C-alpha atoms as a PDB file:
ATOM      1  CA  MET A   1      74.981 111.459  98.603  1.00  0.00           C
ATOM      2  CA  ASN A   2      76.757 108.508 101.302  1.00  0.00           C
ATOM      3  CA  GLN A   3      77.384 109.577 104.607  1.00  0.00           C
ATOM      4  CA  ALA A   4      80.615 108.415 104.487  1.00  0.00           C
ATOM      5  CA  ILE A   5      81.826 109.726 101.671  1.00  0.00           C
ATOM      6  CA  LEU A   6      80.735 113.081 102.858  1.00  0.00           C
ATOM      7  CA  LYS A   7      82.839 112.338 105.586  1.00  0.00           C
ATOM      8  CA  GLY A   8      85.658 111.637 103.981  1.00  0.00           C
ATOM      9  CA  ALA A   9      85.429 114.330 101.565  1.00  0.00           C
ATOM     10  CA  PHE A  10      85.043 116.991 104.221  1.00  0.00           C
ATOM     11  CA  ALA A  11      88.421 115.517 106.132  1.00  0.00           C
ATOM     12  CA  LEU A  12      90.141 115.541 102.913  1.00  0.00           C
ATOM     13  CA  ALA A  13      89.066 119.185 102.099  1.00  0.00           C
ATOM     14  CA  CYS A  14      89.914 119.831 105.429  1.00  0.00           C
ATOM     15  CA  MET A  15      93.849 118.981 105.539  1.00  0.00           C
ATOM     16  CA  LEU A  16      94.288 120.905 102.547  1.00  0.00           C
ATOM     17  CA  ALA A  17      96.024 123.752 104.108  1.00  0.00           C
ATOM     18  CA  LEU A  18      98.499 120.999 105.463  1.00  0.00           C
ATOM     19  CA  PRO A  19     101.978 120.502 103.472  1.00  0.00           C
ATOM     20  CA  ILE A  20     102.215 117.725 102.308  1.00  0.00           C
ATOM     21  CA  ALA A  21     105.600 115.555 103.773  1.00  0.00           C
ATOM     22  CA  SER A  22     108.611 115.408 101.954  1.00  0.00           C
ATOM     23  CA  ALA A  23     112.308 114.249 102.450  1.00  0.00           C
ATOM     24  CA  VAL A  24     114.843 116.484 104.227  1.00  0.00           C
ATOM     25  CA  ASP A  25     118.073 116.253 102.715  1.00  0.00           C
ATOM     26  CA  VAL A  26     119.977 115.457 105.723  1.00  0.00           C
ATOM     27  CA  GLN A  27     123.840 116.223 104.640  1.00  0.00           C
ATOM     28  CA  ARG A  28     126.010 113.655 106.266  1.00  0.00           C
ATOM     29  CA  PRO A  29     130.224 114.234 106.655  1.00  0.00           C
ATOM     30  CA  ASP A  30     129.890 109.933 106.618  1.00  0.00           C
ATOM     31  CA  PRO A  31     127.401 108.165 105.318  1.00  0.00           C
ATOM     32  CA  ASN A  32     128.805 104.913 106.633  1.00  0.00           C
ATOM     33  CA  ARG A  33     128.756 106.011 110.628  1.00  0.00           C
ATOM     34  CA  TYR A  34     125.748 107.162 112.785  1.00  0.00           C
ATOM     35  CA  PRO A  35     125.093 110.881 112.698  1.00  0.00           C
ATOM     36  CA  ALA A  36     128.238 112.128 115.013  1.00  0.00           C
ATOM     37  CA  LYS A  37     126.619 114.445 117.351  1.00  0.00           C
ATOM     38  CA  GLY A  38     123.062 114.127 119.379  1.00  0.00           C
ATOM     39  CA  GLY A  39     120.257 116.212 117.820  1.00  0.00           C
ATOM     40  CA  THR A  40     116.542 116.814 117.354  1.00  0.00           C
ATOM     41  CA  GLU A  41     114.430 114.408 114.478  1.00  0.00           C
ATOM     42  CA  TYR A  42     110.905 115.103 112.997  1.00  0.00           C
ATOM     43  CA  GLU A  43     109.472 111.949 111.596  1.00  0.00           C
ATOM     44  CA  GLN A  44     106.495 111.291 109.605  1.00  0.00           C
ATOM     45  CA  SER A  45     105.251 107.973 108.918  1.00  0.00           C
ATOM     46  CA  ILE A  46     102.398 105.684 108.041  1.00  0.00           C
ATOM     47  CA  ILE A  47     101.310 102.788 110.614  1.00  0.00           C
ATOM     48  CA  THR A  48      98.758 100.024 109.200  1.00  0.00           C
ATOM     49  CA  ILE A  49      97.279  97.956 112.259  1.00  0.00           C
ATOM     50  CA  PRO A  50      94.996  94.984 111.616  1.00  0.00           C
ATOM     51  CA  LEU A  51      91.690  94.798 113.575  1.00  0.00           C
ATOM     52  CA  TYR A  52      90.410  91.298 113.908  1.00  0.00           C
ATOM     53  CA  ALA A  53      86.818  90.006 115.394  1.00  0.00           C
ATOM     54  CA  SER A  54      87.185  87.782 117.722  1.00  0.00           C
ATOM     55  CA  GLY A  55      87.780  84.253 116.404  1.00  0.00           C
ATOM     56  CA  LYS A  56      87.866  85.562 112.759  1.00  0.00           C
ATOM     57  CA  ALA A  57      90.753  84.662 110.342  1.00  0.00           C
ATOM     58  CA  GLU A  58      91.175  87.995 108.888  1.00  0.00           C
ATOM     59  CA  PRO A  59      90.799  91.458 109.449  1.00  0.00           C
ATOM     60  CA  VAL A  60      87.421  93.155 109.325  1.00  0.00           C
ATOM     61  CA  GLU A  61      89.002  96.236 108.849  1.00  0.00           C
ATOM     62  CA  ILE A  62      93.319  97.633 108.023  1.00  0.00           C
ATOM     63  CA  LEU A  63      93.553 100.923 109.837  1.00  0.00           C
ATOM     64  CA  LYS A  64      95.567 103.066 108.375  1.00  0.00           C
ATOM     65  CA  LEU A  65      97.038 105.736 110.568  1.00  0.00           C
ATOM     66  CA  THR A  66      99.438 109.298 110.025  1.00  0.00           C
ATOM     67  CA  ALA A  67     102.352 109.290 112.561  1.00  0.00           C
ATOM     68  CA  PHE A  68     104.149 112.081 113.691  1.00  0.00           C
ATOM     69  CA  MET A  69     107.222 111.473 115.766  1.00  0.00           C
ATOM     70  CA  ARG A  70     109.627 113.996 117.512  1.00  0.00           C
ATOM     71  CA  LEU A  71     112.827 112.338 118.723  1.00  0.00           C
ATOM     72  CA  GLU A  72     115.912 113.502 120.655  1.00  0.00           C
ATOM     73  CA  ARG A  73     119.419 111.478 119.753  1.00  0.00           C
ATOM     74  CA  GLU A  74     122.471 110.921 121.765  1.00  0.00           C
ATOM     75  CA  ALA A  75     125.994 110.790 120.466  1.00  0.00           C
ATOM     76  CA  PRO A  76     126.680 107.297 119.061  1.00  0.00           C
ATOM     77  CA  ARG A  77     129.067 105.577 122.332  1.00  0.00           C
ATOM     78  CA  THR A  78     131.013 101.917 121.892  1.00  0.00           C
ATOM     79  CA  ASN A  79     129.790 100.099 124.538  1.00  0.00           C
ATOM     80  CA  GLY A  80     130.911  97.185 126.782  1.00  0.00           C
ATOM     81  CA  LEU A  81     130.356  94.342 124.136  1.00  0.00           C
ATOM     82  CA  GLY A  82     132.559  97.026 121.221  1.00  0.00           C
ATOM     83  CA  HIS A  83     129.188  97.371 119.427  1.00  0.00           C
ATOM     84  CA  ARG A  84     128.322 100.996 118.708  1.00  0.00           C
ATOM     85  CA  GLN A  85     125.204 102.264 119.251  1.00  0.00           C
ATOM     86  CA  VAL A  86     122.616 105.560 119.710  1.00  0.00           C
ATOM     87  CA  GLU A  87     120.058 105.766 122.407  1.00  0.00           C
ATOM     88  CA  PHE A  88     117.013 108.074 121.842  1.00  0.00           C
ATOM     89  CA  THR A  89     114.164 109.132 123.384  1.00  0.00           C
ATOM     90  CA  ILE A  90     110.768 109.998 121.414  1.00  0.00           C
ATOM     91  CA  ALA A  91     109.677 113.470 122.952  1.00  0.00           C
ATOM     92  CA  ASP A  92     106.596 113.927 120.926  1.00  0.00           C
ATOM     93  CA  TRP A  93     104.513 110.833 119.010  1.00  0.00           C
ATOM     94  CA  GLU A  94     100.798 111.305 117.674  1.00  0.00           C
ATOM     95  CA  LEU A  95      98.899 109.153 115.438  1.00  0.00           C
ATOM     96  CA  ILE A  96      95.962 109.179 113.876  1.00  0.00           C
ATOM     97  CA  GLY A  97      93.445 107.111 111.824  1.00  0.00           C
ATOM     98  CA  HIS A  98      89.600 106.366 110.815  1.00  0.00           C
ATOM     99  CA  SER A  99      88.146 104.113 111.418  1.00  0.00           C
ATOM    100  CA  ASN A 100      85.457 102.631 109.353  1.00  0.00           C
ATOM    101  CA  TYR A 101      84.348  99.782 111.466  1.00  0.00           C
ATOM    102  CA  LEU A 102      84.611 101.524 114.177  1.00  0.00           C
ATOM    103  CA  ASP A 103      83.373 105.023 112.755  1.00  0.00           C
ATOM    104  CA  ALA A 104      84.960 106.795 114.386  1.00  0.00           C
ATOM    105  CA  ASP A 105      88.980 108.627 114.304  1.00  0.00           C
ATOM    106  CA  VAL A 106      91.471 106.419 116.113  1.00  0.00           C
ATOM    107  CA  THR A 107      94.464 108.930 117.594  1.00  0.00           C
ATOM    108  CA  PHE A 108      97.050 107.696 119.566  1.00  0.00           C
ATOM    109  CA  LYS A 109      99.786 109.843 122.034  1.00  0.00           C
ATOM    110  CA  LEU A 110     102.585 109.807 124.049  1.00  0.00           C
ATOM    111  CA  SER A 111     101.182 109.065 127.841  1.00  0.00           C
ATOM    112  CA  ASP A 112     102.138 111.994 130.497  1.00  0.00           C
ATOM    113  CA  VAL A 113     104.096 110.068 132.754  1.00  0.00           C
ATOM    114  CA  PRO A 114     107.755 111.364 134.320  1.00  0.00           C
ATOM    115  CA  VAL A 115     110.369 109.469 131.706  1.00  0.00           C
ATOM    116  CA  GLN A 116     109.549 107.660 128.785  1.00  0.00           C
ATOM    117  CA  PRO A 117     111.677 104.895 127.833  1.00  0.00           C
ATOM    118  CA  LYS A 118     115.272 104.790 125.725  1.00  0.00           C
ATOM    119  CA  SER A 119     114.885 103.479 122.711  1.00  0.00           C
ATOM    120  CA  LEU A 120     117.712 102.333 121.092  1.00  0.00           C
ATOM    121  CA  VAL A 121     119.912 101.872 117.741  1.00  0.00           C
ATOM    122  CA  ILE A 122     122.882  99.228 117.570  1.00  0.00           C
ATOM    123  CA  SER A 123     125.522  97.641 115.245  1.00  0.00           C
ATOM    124  CA  LEU A 124     124.737  94.142 114.402  1.00  0.00           C
ATOM    125  CA  THR A 125     128.760  93.678 114.295  1.00  0.00           C
ATOM    126  CA  GLU A 126     132.150  95.055 116.254  1.00  0.00           C
ATOM    127  CA  LYS A 127     133.414  96.304 112.583  1.00  0.00           C
ATOM    128  CA  ALA A 128     130.808  98.845 111.494  1.00  0.00           C
ATOM    129  CA  ASP A 129     127.969 100.932 112.680  1.00  0.00           C
ATOM    130  CA  TYR A 130     125.778  99.687 109.721  1.00  0.00           C
ATOM    131  CA  PRO A 131     124.055  97.443 109.811  1.00  0.00           C
ATOM    132  CA  ALA A 132     122.145  98.146 112.494  1.00  0.00           C
ATOM    133  CA  MET A 133     119.027  96.741 114.858  1.00  0.00           C
ATOM    134  CA  ILE A 134     116.956  99.762 116.109  1.00  0.00           C
ATOM    135  CA  VAL A 135     114.467  99.473 118.985  1.00  0.00           C
ATOM    136  CA  TYR A 136     111.962 102.353 119.763  1.00  0.00           C
ATOM    137  CA  SER A 137     109.904 102.758 123.098  1.00  0.00           C
ATOM    138  CA  ALA A 138     106.939 104.646 124.480  1.00  0.00           C
ATOM    139  CA  ILE A 139     104.630 104.230 127.069  1.00  0.00           C
ATOM    140  CA  TYR A 140     101.143 105.654 124.848  1.00  0.00           C
ATOM    141  CA  ASP A 141      97.652 106.167 125.328  1.00  0.00           C
ATOM    142  CA  ILE A 142      94.944 105.156 122.793  1.00  0.00           C
ATOM    143  CA  TYR A 143      91.536 107.193 121.932  1.00  0.00           C
ATOM    144  CA  ILE A 144      88.698 106.450 119.879  1.00  0.00           C
ATOM    145  CA  GLY A 145      87.213 109.228 118.784  1.00  0.00           C
ATOM    146  CA  GLN A 146      87.474 111.866 122.123  1.00  0.00           C
ATOM    147  CA  LYS A 147      87.144 108.691 124.465  1.00  0.00           C
ATOM    148  CA  LEU A 148      90.043 107.229 126.156  1.00  0.00           C
ATOM    149  CA  VAL A 149      89.963 104.020 126.078  1.00  0.00           C
ATOM    150  CA  ALA A 150      93.791 103.136 127.321  1.00  0.00           C
ATOM    151  CA  LYS A 151      96.361 104.899 129.376  1.00  0.00           C
ATOM    152  CA  ASN A 152      99.839 104.261 130.077  1.00  0.00           C
ATOM    153  CA  ARG A 153     100.639 101.382 127.578  1.00  0.00           C
ATOM    154  CA  PRO A 154     104.202 100.199 126.879  1.00  0.00           C
ATOM    155  CA  GLY A 155     105.162  99.156 123.737  1.00  0.00           C
ATOM    156  CA  VAL A 156     108.409  98.418 121.601  1.00  0.00           C
ATOM    157  CA  ALA A 157     108.726  98.176 117.968  1.00  0.00           C
ATOM    158  CA  PHE A 158     111.648  97.015 115.964  1.00  0.00           C
ATOM    159  CA  ALA A 159     113.276  96.417 112.806  1.00  0.00           C
ATOM    160  CA  LYS A 160     117.098  95.090 111.061  1.00  0.00           C
ATOM    161  CA  ASN A 161     119.019  95.368 108.320  1.00  0.00           C
ATOM    162  CA  VAL A 162     119.042  99.712 109.425  1.00  0.00           C
ATOM    163  CA  PHE A 163     121.204 101.136 107.033  1.00  0.00           C
ATOM    164  CA  GLU A 164     120.889 104.949 108.259  1.00  0.00           C
ATOM    165  CA  VAL A 165     119.582 107.387 110.852  1.00  0.00           C
ATOM    166  CA  PRO A 166     116.853 108.298 110.602  1.00  0.00           C
ATOM    167  CA  PRO A 167     116.084 105.107 109.441  1.00  0.00           C
ATOM    168  CA  ARG A 168     114.823 104.392 105.531  1.00  0.00           C
ATOM    169  CA  ASN A 169     112.974 102.494 103.226  1.00  0.00           C
ATOM    170  CA  ILE A 170     112.685  99.625 106.014  1.00  0.00           C
ATOM    171  CA  SER A 171     109.162  97.537 107.644  1.00  0.00           C
ATOM    172  CA  VAL A 172     109.657  98.298 111.537  1.00  0.00           C
ATOM    173  CA  ALA A 173     107.162  95.552 113.107  1.00  0.00           C
ATOM    174  CA  PHE A 174     105.232  96.493 117.099  1.00  0.00           C
ATOM    175  CA  SER A 175     103.111  94.265 118.989  1.00  0.00           C
ATOM    176  CA  LYS A 176     100.604  96.526 120.499  1.00  0.00           C
ATOM    177  CA  PRO A 177      97.506  94.301 121.389  1.00  0.00           C
ATOM    178  CA  PHE A 178      94.405  96.069 122.528  1.00  0.00           C
ATOM    179  CA  THR A 179      90.908  94.862 122.933  1.00  0.00           C
ATOM    180  CA  VAL A 180      87.981  97.998 122.173  1.00  0.00           C
ATOM    181  CA  PRO A 181      85.635  98.492 124.093  1.00  0.00           C
ATOM    182  CA  VAL A 182      82.469  98.360 123.171  1.00  0.00           C
ATOM    183  CA  GLU A 183      80.926 101.262 125.609  1.00  0.00           C
ATOM    184  CA  SER A 184      84.162 103.528 124.427  1.00  0.00           C
ATOM    185  CA  LEU A 185      82.259 104.109 121.000  1.00  0.00           C
ATOM    186  CA  THR A 186      79.457 106.213 120.074  1.00  0.00           C
ATOM    187  CA  SER A 187      78.292 105.156 117.318  1.00  0.00           C
ATOM    188  CA  ALA A 188      75.314 102.407 117.331  1.00  0.00           C
ATOM    189  CA  THR A 189      75.876 101.236 114.499  1.00  0.00           C
ATOM    190  CA  ALA A 190      79.855 100.115 115.760  1.00  0.00           C
ATOM    191  CA  LYS A 191      78.678  99.022 119.071  1.00  0.00           C
ATOM    192  CA  LYS A 192      76.121  96.428 117.181  1.00  0.00           C
ATOM    193  CA  LEU A 193      79.073  95.246 114.675  1.00  0.00           C
ATOM    194  CA  VAL A 194      81.245  95.362 117.667  1.00  0.00           C
ATOM    195  CA  THR A 195      79.061  93.322 119.846  1.00  0.00           C
ATOM    196  CA  SER A 196      78.156  90.677 117.780  1.00  0.00           C
ATOM    197  CA  ALA A 197      81.630  89.999 116.337  1.00  0.00           C
ATOM    198  CA  GLY A 198      82.257  88.839 120.393  1.00  0.00           C
ATOM    199  CA  GLY A 199      84.493  91.783 120.556  1.00  0.00           C
ATOM    200  CA  VAL A 200      87.310  93.306 118.521  1.00  0.00           C
ATOM    201  CA  GLU A 201      91.057  94.052 118.684  1.00  0.00           C
ATOM    202  CA  PHE A 202      94.186  95.625 117.386  1.00  0.00           C
ATOM    203  CA  ALA A 203      96.366  93.172 115.639  1.00  0.00           C
ATOM    204  CA  ASP A 204     100.349  93.346 115.404  1.00  0.00           C
ATOM    205  CA  GLY A 205     101.043  96.438 112.957  1.00  0.00           C
ATOM    206  CA  THR A 206     103.951  98.152 110.886  1.00  0.00           C
ATOM    207  CA  CYS A 207     105.228 101.220 110.565  1.00  0.00           C
ATOM    208  CA  GLU A 208     106.489 102.336 107.019  1.00  0.00           C
ATOM    209  CA  ASP A 209     106.994 105.526 104.382  1.00  0.00           C
ATOM    210  CA  MET A 210     109.401 107.002 107.400  1.00  0.00           C
ATOM    211  CA  SER A 211     110.624 109.921 105.890  1.00  0.00           C
ATOM    212  CA  GLN A 212     112.182 113.125 107.326  1.00  0.00           C
ATOM    213  CA  ILE A 213     110.511 116.490 108.190  1.00  0.00           C
ATOM    214  CA  GLU A 214     110.289 119.780 108.853  1.00  0.00           C
ATOM    215  CA  LYS A 215     109.443 121.309 112.417  1.00  0.00           C
ATOM    216  CA  SER A 216     106.634 123.616 110.392  1.00  0.00           C
ATOM    217  CA  VAL A 217     105.301 120.275 109.579  1.00  0.00           C
ATOM    218  CA  PHE A 218     105.619 118.336 111.899  1.00  0.00           C
ATOM    219  CA  ASP A 219     104.111 121.090 114.264  1.00  0.00           C
ATOM    220  CA  LYS A 220     100.637 121.466 112.273  1.00  0.00           C
ATOM    221  CA  GLY A 221     100.282 117.987 111.997  1.00  0.00           C
ATOM    222  CA  VAL A 222     100.387 117.359 115.748  1.00  0.00           C
ATOM    223  CA  GLU A 223      98.200 120.346 115.788  1.00  0.00           C
ATOM    224  CA  ALA A 224      95.492 119.523 113.346  1.00  0.00           C
ATOM    225  CA  ILE A 225      95.290 115.436 115.723  1.00  0.00           C
ATOM    226  CA  ARG A 226      95.150 117.420 118.780  1.00  0.00           C
ATOM    227  CA  ALA A 227      92.219 119.494 118.016  1.00  0.00           C
ATOM    228  CA  ALA A 228      90.816 116.272 116.185  1.00  0.00           C
ATOM    229  CA  ARG A 229      91.146 114.672 119.491  1.00  0.00           C
ATOM    230  CA  ALA A 230      89.188 117.644 121.657  1.00  0.00           C
ATOM    231  CA  GLY A 231      86.712 117.827 119.137  1.00  0.00           C
ATOM    232  CA  SER A 232      87.259 121.303 118.005  1.00  0.00           C
ATOM    233  CA  GLY A 233      89.049 119.551 114.552  1.00  0.00           C
ATOM    234  CA  ALA A 234      87.360 118.319 111.632  1.00  0.00           C
ATOM    235  CA  GLY A 235      87.555 115.019 112.115  1.00  0.00           C
ATOM    236  CA  THR A 236      90.765 114.727 109.568  1.00  0.00           C
ATOM    237  CA  GLY A 237      91.459 110.888 110.316  1.00  0.00           C
ATOM    238  CA  SER A 238      91.149 109.561 106.795  1.00  0.00           C
ATOM    239  CA  GLY A 239      92.301 112.701 104.947  1.00  0.00           C
ATOM    240  CA  MET A 240      96.241 112.685 106.297  1.00  0.00           C
ATOM    241  CA  VAL A 241      96.745 109.304 105.577  1.00  0.00           C
ATOM    242  CA  ASP A 242      97.855 110.547 101.596  1.00  0.00           C
ATOM    243  CA  LYS A 243     101.233 111.407 101.650  1.00  0.00           C
END
């Protein structure tokens, strides 16, 4: 049987123990205003990143990663220009996806830095909380397989026309350009592909399908990703994208 099929089937089987994420019903007194108090949120989403070979107009692969995020949200306030805003901090962020082109799992994690930058939701008018704009900020590391290939990279993501917090049914755009180091690849086939292509880079991507999840689902997802990155998991990247 084809080795890639075996790998995908095995990874999917390993993920059967992970609960499927479902939206959590968040009851709010007024859906037209920001949540009145600060709090902790657990999120799951799908990150899509095209991989481009040097000088090519079409991607060699569309990489899909499952993302788990824990954020700490502050209480809303009105800024000096009269716009209401909510500041929050991304406290945990783990992503995993399997790249067939690189023949490895790709994972992201928050960097171990003293302070992560604050992120922001801000109303677009002085009259109401919504519509709003949201800006996510984080400092992160990238791994290919078990190898750290990028450290302490600052990243910003952006979305407009936000009508609820946490945001739903929107696309978040981000630019996290990154060139894959050939020496980071353990697969001889992948090394040959990337070398012959003159290099491969991660291009601008999107974040979609955001849903709020229970802490238990978040914890299990994060545990599985960290185990895969440490080499003690089953390489679960290809099985986690399906929500």
